[in-house]
Amino acid sequence: AQSRWNWQIDTNQVFLATDVGVGMVEMSRIVTNPGDSIVVDTPVYHNFANWIKELKCHIVDAPMKKDGLHYTLNLPLIEEAYKNGAKIHYLCNPQNPTGTVHTKEELSALAELAKKYGVAVFSDEIHAPLTYDASTFTPFLAVSETAREVGITVTSASKAWNIAGLKCAVIVTAHEKWL
C-alpha cells in the first residue's frame, strides 16, 4: 500500500475476514439496525444488494453520472440520500463493473458529505491492484483526515492474484472510533 499508493496503514487497525462480503456485512452490523438505509452507486457489483438484504436494510440508489463511457459519483443524489438518514455508503473503489477510478477530489467531497451527515463510508477496494497505470487509484482512507474518520476499507488479494479459494480479506480502519 505504501509503495503502490502512498498509503500508510497502521497495522494495529487491520483485521481479518473470510472475504470482502463478510467484512462489509460484519462491519455494517456495528453501524446499522434492520430497516436502516445503505447507499450504493449503480451500476455496481450485484452482491452489494445481497449484503444489504442480509442486513435487513434498505438500498438507496444514487446512480452514477454517465458521460459516454465515463462515470462519476453523483454527489447531489448522494447528499440527498445522506440527508434522508442513510447510515452507510457502500463505495466500490475502483468501481465494478464500470472500471471507474474515482478521483481524489470526488472521494474528498464524498468524505466531507459523509462527515456532515454522520454517514460511514465502507469502501470495497478489491480491484485496486488491477487499475491501469494511466489511472491514479486513491485509497479512500488515504484521501484526508475526514476520510479516515468516516471510512473503512475492505479488500483482498483474491481478485488481483486469483486466490479466492484461500478465503482471506482484510478490514482496514484509520480512526480510533473503529477500534
N, C-alpha and C. Protein backbone atom coordinates (compact mmCIF):
# COMPACT_ATOMS: atom_id res chain seq x y z
N ALA A 1 0.83 -1.20 0.00
CA ALA A 1 0.00 0.00 0.00
C ALA A 1 0.87 1.26 0.00
N GLN A 2 1.94 1.21 0.79
CA GLN A 2 2.82 2.38 0.84
C GLN A 2 3.52 2.61 -0.49
N SER A 3 4.08 1.58 -1.07
CA SER A 3 4.84 1.77 -2.30
C SER A 3 3.94 1.98 -3.53
N ARG A 4 2.78 1.35 -3.57
CA ARG A 4 1.89 1.49 -4.73
C ARG A 4 1.06 2.76 -4.69
N TRP A 5 0.52 3.09 -3.51
CA TRP A 5 -0.47 4.17 -3.45
C TRP A 5 -0.13 5.25 -2.42
N ASN A 6 1.06 5.17 -1.83
CA ASN A 6 1.45 6.14 -0.81
C ASN A 6 0.45 6.17 0.34
N TRP A 7 0.01 4.98 0.74
CA TRP A 7 -0.98 4.82 1.80
C TRP A 7 -0.32 4.16 2.98
N GLN A 8 -0.17 4.89 4.05
CA GLN A 8 0.43 4.38 5.27
C GLN A 8 -0.65 3.75 6.13
N ILE A 9 -0.53 2.46 6.39
CA ILE A 9 -1.53 1.72 7.16
C ILE A 9 -0.97 1.40 8.54
N ASP A 10 -1.77 1.66 9.56
CA ASP A 10 -1.42 1.28 10.93
C ASP A 10 -1.79 -0.19 11.10
N THR A 11 -0.82 -1.05 11.26
CA THR A 11 -1.08 -2.49 11.35
C THR A 11 -1.96 -2.86 12.54
N ASN A 12 -2.06 -1.98 13.53
CA ASN A 12 -2.96 -2.22 14.66
C ASN A 12 -4.42 -2.03 14.27
N GLN A 13 -4.66 -1.48 13.08
CA GLN A 13 -6.02 -1.25 12.62
C GLN A 13 -6.33 -2.09 11.37
N VAL A 14 -5.74 -3.26 11.30
CA VAL A 14 -6.01 -4.21 10.23
C VAL A 14 -6.60 -5.46 10.88
N PHE A 15 -7.76 -5.88 10.36
CA PHE A 15 -8.48 -7.01 10.92
C PHE A 15 -8.79 -7.99 9.81
N LEU A 16 -8.92 -9.27 10.14
CA LEU A 16 -9.16 -10.30 9.14
C LEU A 16 -10.64 -10.63 9.00
N ALA A 17 -11.01 -11.01 7.78
CA ALA A 17 -12.34 -11.53 7.48
C ALA A 17 -12.16 -12.63 6.44
N THR A 18 -13.14 -13.50 6.30
CA THR A 18 -13.00 -14.58 5.33
C THR A 18 -13.08 -14.10 3.89
N ASP A 19 -13.82 -13.04 3.63
CA ASP A 19 -13.84 -12.44 2.30
C ASP A 19 -14.40 -11.02 2.41
N VAL A 20 -14.37 -10.29 1.32
CA VAL A 20 -14.80 -8.89 1.34
C VAL A 20 -16.27 -8.78 1.75
N GLY A 21 -17.11 -9.66 1.24
CA GLY A 21 -18.52 -9.61 1.60
C GLY A 21 -18.75 -9.77 3.09
N VAL A 22 -18.08 -10.73 3.68
CA VAL A 22 -18.20 -10.94 5.13
C VAL A 22 -17.70 -9.71 5.88
N GLY A 23 -16.60 -9.15 5.43
CA GLY A 23 -16.08 -7.94 6.08
C GLY A 23 -17.05 -6.78 6.01
N MET A 24 -17.64 -6.57 4.84
CA MET A 24 -18.60 -5.48 4.67
C MET A 24 -19.83 -5.70 5.56
N VAL A 25 -20.36 -6.90 5.55
CA VAL A 25 -21.56 -7.20 6.33
C VAL A 25 -21.29 -7.09 7.83
N GLU A 26 -20.22 -7.70 8.28
CA GLU A 26 -19.97 -7.70 9.73
C GLU A 26 -19.65 -6.30 10.25
N MET A 27 -18.93 -5.50 9.49
CA MET A 27 -18.69 -4.12 9.91
C MET A 27 -20.00 -3.32 9.88
N SER A 28 -20.87 -3.63 8.91
CA SER A 28 -22.16 -2.94 8.83
C SER A 28 -23.02 -3.19 10.06
N ARG A 29 -22.88 -4.37 10.64
CA ARG A 29 -23.67 -4.70 11.83
C ARG A 29 -23.33 -3.77 13.00
N ILE A 30 -22.15 -3.18 12.99
CA ILE A 30 -21.75 -2.24 14.05
C ILE A 30 -22.51 -0.92 13.91
N VAL A 31 -22.84 -0.56 12.68
CA VAL A 31 -23.39 0.77 12.38
C VAL A 31 -24.90 0.76 12.16
N THR A 32 -25.45 -0.34 11.65
CA THR A 32 -26.85 -0.35 11.24
C THR A 32 -27.73 -1.23 12.12
N ASN A 33 -29.02 -0.98 11.99
CA ASN A 33 -30.06 -1.83 12.54
C ASN A 33 -30.97 -2.20 11.38
N PRO A 34 -31.69 -3.32 11.47
CA PRO A 34 -32.65 -3.63 10.41
C PRO A 34 -33.57 -2.43 10.15
N GLY A 35 -33.80 -2.18 8.87
CA GLY A 35 -34.63 -1.05 8.47
C GLY A 35 -33.85 0.19 8.10
N ASP A 36 -32.57 0.26 8.47
CA ASP A 36 -31.74 1.41 8.11
C ASP A 36 -31.46 1.40 6.61
N SER A 37 -30.95 2.51 6.11
CA SER A 37 -30.65 2.65 4.69
C SER A 37 -29.15 2.64 4.42
N ILE A 38 -28.80 1.99 3.30
CA ILE A 38 -27.41 1.94 2.83
C ILE A 38 -27.39 2.40 1.38
N VAL A 39 -26.51 3.34 1.07
CA VAL A 39 -26.41 3.92 -0.26
C VAL A 39 -25.46 3.09 -1.13
N VAL A 40 -25.84 2.91 -2.40
CA VAL A 40 -24.98 2.32 -3.42
C VAL A 40 -25.02 3.21 -4.65
N ASP A 41 -23.99 3.10 -5.49
CA ASP A 41 -23.90 3.88 -6.73
C ASP A 41 -23.97 2.91 -7.90
N THR A 42 -25.13 2.79 -8.53
CA THR A 42 -25.25 1.87 -9.66
C THR A 42 -24.78 2.52 -10.94
N PRO A 43 -24.31 1.69 -11.90
CA PRO A 43 -24.22 0.24 -11.81
C PRO A 43 -23.11 -0.17 -10.84
N VAL A 44 -23.36 -1.23 -10.09
CA VAL A 44 -22.40 -1.65 -9.09
C VAL A 44 -22.48 -3.17 -8.93
N TYR A 45 -21.45 -3.74 -8.38
CA TYR A 45 -21.36 -5.17 -8.10
C TYR A 45 -22.65 -5.66 -7.46
N HIS A 46 -23.26 -6.66 -8.06
CA HIS A 46 -24.59 -7.11 -7.65
C HIS A 46 -24.66 -7.63 -6.21
N ASN A 47 -23.58 -8.12 -5.67
CA ASN A 47 -23.64 -8.65 -4.30
C ASN A 47 -23.83 -7.57 -3.24
N PHE A 48 -23.59 -6.30 -3.59
CA PHE A 48 -23.88 -5.25 -2.62
C PHE A 48 -25.34 -5.36 -2.18
N ALA A 49 -26.25 -5.59 -3.14
CA ALA A 49 -27.69 -5.73 -2.82
C ALA A 49 -27.93 -6.93 -1.93
N ASN A 50 -27.24 -8.03 -2.18
CA ASN A 50 -27.41 -9.22 -1.34
C ASN A 50 -26.95 -8.96 0.09
N TRP A 51 -25.84 -8.27 0.23
CA TRP A 51 -25.34 -7.97 1.58
C TRP A 51 -26.33 -7.08 2.34
N ILE A 52 -26.87 -6.10 1.65
CA ILE A 52 -27.83 -5.17 2.29
C ILE A 52 -29.09 -5.92 2.69
N LYS A 53 -29.55 -6.83 1.84
CA LYS A 53 -30.73 -7.65 2.18
C LYS A 53 -30.44 -8.52 3.39
N GLU A 54 -29.23 -9.09 3.44
CA GLU A 54 -28.86 -9.92 4.60
C GLU A 54 -28.94 -9.13 5.89
N LEU A 55 -28.61 -7.85 5.82
CA LEU A 55 -28.67 -6.97 6.99
C LEU A 55 -30.08 -6.49 7.30
N LYS A 56 -31.03 -6.82 6.40
CA LYS A 56 -32.42 -6.36 6.51
C LYS A 56 -32.49 -4.84 6.47
N CYS A 57 -31.62 -4.26 5.66
CA CYS A 57 -31.59 -2.81 5.46
C CYS A 57 -32.17 -2.48 4.09
N HIS A 58 -32.38 -1.20 3.86
CA HIS A 58 -32.93 -0.72 2.60
C HIS A 58 -31.81 -0.20 1.71
N ILE A 59 -31.93 -0.48 0.42
CA ILE A 59 -30.98 0.02 -0.57
C ILE A 59 -31.47 1.39 -1.04
N VAL A 60 -30.56 2.35 -1.03
CA VAL A 60 -30.84 3.66 -1.61
C VAL A 60 -29.84 3.83 -2.75
N ASP A 61 -30.36 3.94 -3.95
CA ASP A 61 -29.51 4.05 -5.13
C ASP A 61 -29.25 5.52 -5.46
N ALA A 62 -27.97 5.83 -5.65
CA ALA A 62 -27.55 7.14 -6.15
C ALA A 62 -26.78 6.86 -7.44
N PRO A 63 -27.51 6.61 -8.56
CA PRO A 63 -26.84 6.19 -9.80
C PRO A 63 -25.71 7.14 -10.19
N MET A 64 -24.64 6.56 -10.67
CA MET A 64 -23.52 7.36 -11.12
C MET A 64 -23.92 8.19 -12.34
N LYS A 65 -23.27 9.34 -12.52
CA LYS A 65 -23.45 10.15 -13.73
C LYS A 65 -22.65 9.49 -14.85
N LYS A 66 -23.23 9.44 -16.03
CA LYS A 66 -22.56 8.82 -17.16
C LYS A 66 -22.41 9.83 -18.28
N ASP A 67 -21.18 9.94 -18.79
CA ASP A 67 -20.89 10.77 -19.94
C ASP A 67 -20.09 9.90 -20.91
N GLY A 68 -20.80 9.32 -21.90
CA GLY A 68 -20.15 8.36 -22.78
C GLY A 68 -19.80 7.12 -21.98
N LEU A 69 -18.52 6.78 -21.95
CA LEU A 69 -18.07 5.64 -21.16
C LEU A 69 -17.50 6.06 -19.81
N HIS A 70 -17.59 7.34 -19.49
CA HIS A 70 -17.01 7.86 -18.25
C HIS A 70 -18.11 8.02 -17.19
N TYR A 71 -17.87 7.48 -16.01
CA TYR A 71 -18.80 7.57 -14.90
C TYR A 71 -18.17 8.38 -13.76
N THR A 72 -19.01 9.11 -13.04
CA THR A 72 -18.56 9.84 -11.85
C THR A 72 -19.61 9.68 -10.76
N LEU A 73 -19.21 9.89 -9.54
CA LEU A 73 -20.16 9.86 -8.43
C LEU A 73 -21.16 11.00 -8.60
N ASN A 74 -22.41 10.73 -8.27
CA ASN A 74 -23.46 11.74 -8.38
C ASN A 74 -23.63 12.36 -7.00
N LEU A 75 -22.78 13.33 -6.70
CA LEU A 75 -22.74 13.89 -5.35
C LEU A 75 -24.05 14.53 -4.90
N PRO A 76 -24.82 15.21 -5.78
CA PRO A 76 -26.12 15.74 -5.32
C PRO A 76 -27.09 14.62 -4.89
N LEU A 77 -27.15 13.52 -5.63
CA LEU A 77 -28.02 12.41 -5.23
C LEU A 77 -27.51 11.75 -3.95
N ILE A 78 -26.20 11.64 -3.82
CA ILE A 78 -25.62 11.07 -2.61
C ILE A 78 -25.96 11.94 -1.41
N GLU A 79 -25.82 13.24 -1.56
CA GLU A 79 -26.15 14.14 -0.45
C GLU A 79 -27.62 14.02 -0.06
N GLU A 80 -28.49 13.89 -1.04
CA GLU A 80 -29.92 13.71 -0.75
C GLU A 80 -30.15 12.44 0.07
N ALA A 81 -29.49 11.37 -0.32
CA ALA A 81 -29.62 10.11 0.43
C ALA A 81 -29.08 10.26 1.85
N TYR A 82 -27.98 10.95 1.99
CA TYR A 82 -27.40 11.19 3.31
C TYR A 82 -28.36 12.02 4.17
N LYS A 83 -28.93 13.08 3.59
CA LYS A 83 -29.89 13.94 4.31
C LYS A 83 -31.09 13.14 4.80
N ASN A 84 -31.47 12.14 4.02
CA ASN A 84 -32.64 11.34 4.36
C ASN A 84 -32.33 10.21 5.34
N GLY A 85 -31.16 10.23 5.94
CA GLY A 85 -30.87 9.33 7.05
C GLY A 85 -30.08 8.07 6.75
N ALA A 86 -29.44 7.98 5.60
CA ALA A 86 -28.61 6.80 5.32
C ALA A 86 -27.56 6.65 6.42
N LYS A 87 -27.26 5.41 6.75
CA LYS A 87 -26.26 5.13 7.78
C LYS A 87 -24.89 4.82 7.19
N ILE A 88 -24.91 4.13 6.03
CA ILE A 88 -23.67 3.68 5.40
C ILE A 88 -23.75 3.96 3.91
N HIS A 89 -22.59 4.19 3.32
CA HIS A 89 -22.46 4.26 1.86
C HIS A 89 -21.50 3.15 1.47
N TYR A 90 -21.99 2.19 0.69
CA TYR A 90 -21.12 1.15 0.14
C TYR A 90 -20.48 1.70 -1.13
N LEU A 91 -19.22 2.00 -1.05
CA LEU A 91 -18.47 2.53 -2.18
C LEU A 91 -17.66 1.41 -2.82
N CYS A 92 -17.67 1.35 -4.12
CA CYS A 92 -16.84 0.39 -4.85
C CYS A 92 -15.72 1.21 -5.49
N ASN A 93 -14.50 1.06 -4.99
CA ASN A 93 -13.39 1.92 -5.37
C ASN A 93 -12.12 1.09 -5.61
N PRO A 94 -11.72 0.91 -6.88
CA PRO A 94 -12.33 1.33 -8.13
C PRO A 94 -13.66 0.61 -8.35
N GLN A 95 -14.47 1.23 -9.17
CA GLN A 95 -15.85 0.80 -9.32
C GLN A 95 -16.00 -0.41 -10.23
N ASN A 96 -16.78 -1.37 -9.77
CA ASN A 96 -17.09 -2.57 -10.52
C ASN A 96 -18.57 -2.54 -10.82
N PRO A 97 -19.01 -2.56 -12.05
CA PRO A 97 -18.37 -3.09 -13.25
C PRO A 97 -17.84 -2.04 -14.22
N THR A 98 -17.95 -0.75 -13.91
CA THR A 98 -17.60 0.27 -14.91
C THR A 98 -16.10 0.46 -15.08
N GLY A 99 -15.31 0.09 -14.08
CA GLY A 99 -13.87 0.33 -14.14
C GLY A 99 -13.49 1.74 -13.73
N THR A 100 -14.47 2.53 -13.31
CA THR A 100 -14.19 3.91 -12.92
C THR A 100 -13.22 3.95 -11.74
N VAL A 101 -12.19 4.75 -11.90
CA VAL A 101 -11.25 5.02 -10.81
C VAL A 101 -11.61 6.40 -10.30
N HIS A 102 -12.23 6.45 -9.14
CA HIS A 102 -12.69 7.72 -8.58
C HIS A 102 -11.50 8.64 -8.31
N THR A 103 -11.68 9.91 -8.58
CA THR A 103 -10.61 10.88 -8.35
C THR A 103 -10.48 11.19 -6.87
N LYS A 104 -9.34 11.67 -6.51
CA LYS A 104 -9.11 12.09 -5.12
C LYS A 104 -10.09 13.19 -4.74
N GLU A 105 -10.40 14.09 -5.70
CA GLU A 105 -11.32 15.19 -5.43
C GLU A 105 -12.74 14.67 -5.16
N GLU A 106 -13.18 13.70 -5.98
CA GLU A 106 -14.51 13.10 -5.75
C GLU A 106 -14.57 12.45 -4.37
N LEU A 107 -13.55 11.68 -4.06
CA LEU A 107 -13.53 10.95 -2.79
C LEU A 107 -13.46 11.91 -1.61
N SER A 108 -12.74 13.00 -1.76
CA SER A 108 -12.65 14.01 -0.71
C SER A 108 -14.01 14.66 -0.48
N ALA A 109 -14.70 15.00 -1.57
CA ALA A 109 -16.04 15.59 -1.45
C ALA A 109 -17.01 14.60 -0.79
N LEU A 110 -16.89 13.34 -1.15
CA LEU A 110 -17.73 12.30 -0.55
C LEU A 110 -17.47 12.21 0.95
N ALA A 111 -16.21 12.23 1.35
CA ALA A 111 -15.86 12.16 2.76
C ALA A 111 -16.45 13.34 3.53
N GLU A 112 -16.37 14.52 2.95
CA GLU A 112 -16.92 15.71 3.62
C GLU A 112 -18.43 15.59 3.80
N LEU A 113 -19.13 15.11 2.77
CA LEU A 113 -20.58 14.91 2.89
C LEU A 113 -20.89 13.88 3.97
N ALA A 114 -20.12 12.79 3.98
CA ALA A 114 -20.34 11.74 4.97
C ALA A 114 -20.17 12.27 6.39
N LYS A 115 -19.15 13.07 6.60
CA LYS A 115 -18.94 13.64 7.93
C LYS A 115 -20.07 14.59 8.30
N LYS A 116 -20.49 15.42 7.35
CA LYS A 116 -21.56 16.39 7.60
C LYS A 116 -22.84 15.71 8.05
N TYR A 117 -23.15 14.55 7.46
CA TYR A 117 -24.42 13.87 7.74
C TYR A 117 -24.28 12.63 8.62
N GLY A 118 -23.09 12.35 9.13
CA GLY A 118 -22.90 11.22 10.02
C GLY A 118 -23.03 9.86 9.35
N VAL A 119 -22.55 9.77 8.11
CA VAL A 119 -22.62 8.53 7.34
C VAL A 119 -21.25 7.87 7.33
N ALA A 120 -21.23 6.55 7.46
CA ALA A 120 -19.98 5.79 7.35
C ALA A 120 -19.81 5.36 5.89
N VAL A 121 -18.60 5.49 5.37
CA VAL A 121 -18.30 5.05 4.00
C VAL A 121 -17.49 3.77 4.09
N PHE A 122 -18.05 2.69 3.56
CA PHE A 122 -17.37 1.40 3.53
C PHE A 122 -16.89 1.17 2.11
N SER A 123 -15.59 1.22 1.91
CA SER A 123 -15.00 1.17 0.58
C SER A 123 -14.47 -0.23 0.25
N ASP A 124 -15.11 -0.87 -0.71
CA ASP A 124 -14.66 -2.16 -1.24
C ASP A 124 -13.58 -1.85 -2.26
N GLU A 125 -12.33 -2.18 -1.93
CA GLU A 125 -11.20 -1.83 -2.78
C GLU A 125 -10.49 -3.07 -3.34
N ILE A 126 -11.25 -4.11 -3.56
CA ILE A 126 -10.69 -5.38 -4.01
C ILE A 126 -10.06 -5.28 -5.40
N HIS A 127 -10.51 -4.34 -6.24
CA HIS A 127 -9.97 -4.23 -7.59
C HIS A 127 -8.81 -3.23 -7.71
N ALA A 128 -8.38 -2.66 -6.62
CA ALA A 128 -7.33 -1.64 -6.65
C ALA A 128 -6.05 -2.08 -7.37
N PRO A 129 -5.56 -3.28 -7.15
CA PRO A 129 -4.32 -3.68 -7.82
C PRO A 129 -4.48 -3.88 -9.34
N LEU A 130 -5.71 -3.86 -9.83
CA LEU A 130 -5.94 -4.12 -11.25
C LEU A 130 -6.09 -2.86 -12.09
N THR A 131 -5.88 -1.69 -11.50
CA THR A 131 -6.02 -0.45 -12.27
C THR A 131 -4.82 -0.27 -13.19
N TYR A 132 -5.09 0.37 -14.32
CA TYR A 132 -4.04 0.64 -15.29
C TYR A 132 -3.19 1.82 -14.84
N ASP A 133 -1.96 1.85 -15.30
CA ASP A 133 -1.06 2.94 -14.93
C ASP A 133 -1.59 4.31 -15.33
N ALA A 134 -2.42 4.36 -16.36
CA ALA A 134 -2.97 5.64 -16.83
C ALA A 134 -3.93 6.24 -15.82
N SER A 135 -4.43 5.43 -14.90
CA SER A 135 -5.36 5.91 -13.86
C SER A 135 -4.64 5.94 -12.53
N THR A 136 -4.94 6.94 -11.74
CA THR A 136 -4.35 7.03 -10.42
C THR A 136 -5.37 6.58 -9.40
N PHE A 137 -5.16 5.39 -8.82
CA PHE A 137 -6.04 4.89 -7.78
C PHE A 137 -5.68 5.56 -6.47
N THR A 138 -6.70 6.04 -5.77
CA THR A 138 -6.50 6.62 -4.45
C THR A 138 -7.33 5.83 -3.44
N PRO A 139 -6.69 5.18 -2.48
CA PRO A 139 -7.45 4.50 -1.44
C PRO A 139 -8.30 5.52 -0.67
N PHE A 140 -9.53 5.15 -0.36
CA PHE A 140 -10.40 6.10 0.34
C PHE A 140 -9.76 6.61 1.63
N LEU A 141 -9.15 5.73 2.39
CA LEU A 141 -8.58 6.15 3.67
C LEU A 141 -7.32 7.00 3.53
N ALA A 142 -6.80 7.12 2.32
CA ALA A 142 -5.62 7.96 2.07
C ALA A 142 -5.99 9.35 1.58
N VAL A 143 -7.28 9.62 1.43
CA VAL A 143 -7.74 10.89 0.85
C VAL A 143 -7.54 12.06 1.80
N SER A 144 -7.94 11.90 3.06
CA SER A 144 -7.90 13.02 4.00
C SER A 144 -8.14 12.51 5.41
N GLU A 145 -7.94 13.38 6.37
CA GLU A 145 -8.25 13.02 7.76
C GLU A 145 -9.75 12.75 7.90
N THR A 146 -10.56 13.49 7.18
CA THR A 146 -12.01 13.27 7.23
C THR A 146 -12.35 11.88 6.72
N ALA A 147 -11.75 11.46 5.62
CA ALA A 147 -12.00 10.12 5.08
C ALA A 147 -11.57 9.06 6.09
N ARG A 148 -10.46 9.26 6.76
CA ARG A 148 -10.00 8.30 7.77
C ARG A 148 -11.00 8.21 8.92
N GLU A 149 -11.65 9.32 9.24
CA GLU A 149 -12.62 9.33 10.33
C GLU A 149 -13.92 8.63 9.95
N VAL A 150 -14.41 8.84 8.74
CA VAL A 150 -15.73 8.30 8.36
C VAL A 150 -15.65 6.95 7.66
N GLY A 151 -14.46 6.52 7.25
CA GLY A 151 -14.38 5.36 6.38
C GLY A 151 -13.72 4.13 6.95
N ILE A 152 -14.02 3.03 6.30
CA ILE A 152 -13.28 1.79 6.47
C ILE A 152 -13.05 1.23 5.07
N THR A 153 -12.02 0.43 4.94
CA THR A 153 -11.74 -0.23 3.66
C THR A 153 -11.76 -1.73 3.90
N VAL A 154 -12.37 -2.44 2.95
CA VAL A 154 -12.32 -3.89 2.98
C VAL A 154 -11.73 -4.32 1.64
N THR A 155 -10.71 -5.16 1.69
CA THR A 155 -10.04 -5.57 0.46
C THR A 155 -9.45 -6.97 0.61
N SER A 156 -8.96 -7.47 -0.50
CA SER A 156 -8.40 -8.81 -0.53
C SER A 156 -7.48 -8.94 -1.73
N ALA A 157 -6.58 -9.88 -1.66
CA ALA A 157 -5.71 -10.18 -2.80
C ALA A 157 -6.39 -11.11 -3.80
N SER A 158 -7.59 -11.55 -3.51
CA SER A 158 -8.23 -12.61 -4.29
C SER A 158 -8.46 -12.28 -5.76
N LYS A 159 -8.83 -11.05 -6.09
CA LYS A 159 -9.07 -10.70 -7.50
C LYS A 159 -7.77 -10.59 -8.28
N ALA A 160 -6.85 -9.78 -7.76
CA ALA A 160 -5.62 -9.50 -8.50
C ALA A 160 -4.69 -10.71 -8.61
N TRP A 161 -4.73 -11.59 -7.63
CA TRP A 161 -3.82 -12.73 -7.65
C TRP A 161 -4.55 -14.07 -7.81
N ASN A 162 -5.86 -14.00 -8.12
CA ASN A 162 -6.66 -15.19 -8.41
C ASN A 162 -6.53 -16.26 -7.32
N ILE A 163 -6.77 -15.84 -6.08
CA ILE A 163 -6.65 -16.77 -4.95
C ILE A 163 -7.92 -16.76 -4.08
N ALA A 164 -9.08 -16.62 -4.71
CA ALA A 164 -10.33 -16.53 -3.97
C ALA A 164 -10.54 -17.74 -3.05
N GLY A 165 -10.08 -18.88 -3.44
CA GLY A 165 -10.27 -20.09 -2.65
C GLY A 165 -9.57 -20.05 -1.29
N LEU A 166 -8.62 -19.15 -1.11
CA LEU A 166 -7.91 -19.07 0.18
C LEU A 166 -8.74 -18.39 1.26
N LYS A 167 -9.81 -17.68 0.87
CA LYS A 167 -10.75 -17.06 1.81
C LYS A 167 -10.06 -16.19 2.85
N CYS A 168 -9.51 -15.08 2.42
CA CYS A 168 -8.91 -14.14 3.35
C CYS A 168 -9.04 -12.73 2.81
N ALA A 169 -9.59 -11.87 3.64
CA ALA A 169 -9.71 -10.45 3.32
C ALA A 169 -9.23 -9.66 4.53
N VAL A 170 -9.03 -8.37 4.33
CA VAL A 170 -8.66 -7.50 5.43
C VAL A 170 -9.61 -6.32 5.52
N ILE A 171 -9.88 -5.94 6.74
CA ILE A 171 -10.64 -4.74 7.05
C ILE A 171 -9.61 -3.75 7.58
N VAL A 172 -9.56 -2.57 6.98
CA VAL A 172 -8.59 -1.57 7.41
C VAL A 172 -9.35 -0.34 7.90
N THR A 173 -9.00 0.10 9.10
CA THR A 173 -9.56 1.32 9.65
C THR A 173 -8.42 2.30 9.89
N ALA A 174 -8.77 3.54 10.11
CA ALA A 174 -7.72 4.54 10.31
C ALA A 174 -8.12 5.58 11.35
N HIS A 175 -9.12 5.25 12.16
CA HIS A 175 -9.57 6.18 13.18
C HIS A 175 -9.92 5.38 14.43
N GLU A 176 -9.67 5.96 15.57
CA GLU A 176 -9.89 5.25 16.83
C GLU A 176 -11.34 4.83 17.05
N LYS A 177 -12.30 5.51 16.42
CA LYS A 177 -13.70 5.15 16.66
C LYS A 177 -14.04 3.76 16.13
N TRP A 178 -13.21 3.22 15.21
CA TRP A 178 -13.47 1.89 14.66
C TRP A 178 -12.79 0.79 15.45
N LEU A 179 -11.98 1.15 16.44
CA LEU A 179 -11.27 0.13 17.25
C LEU A 179 -12.16 -0.49 18.29
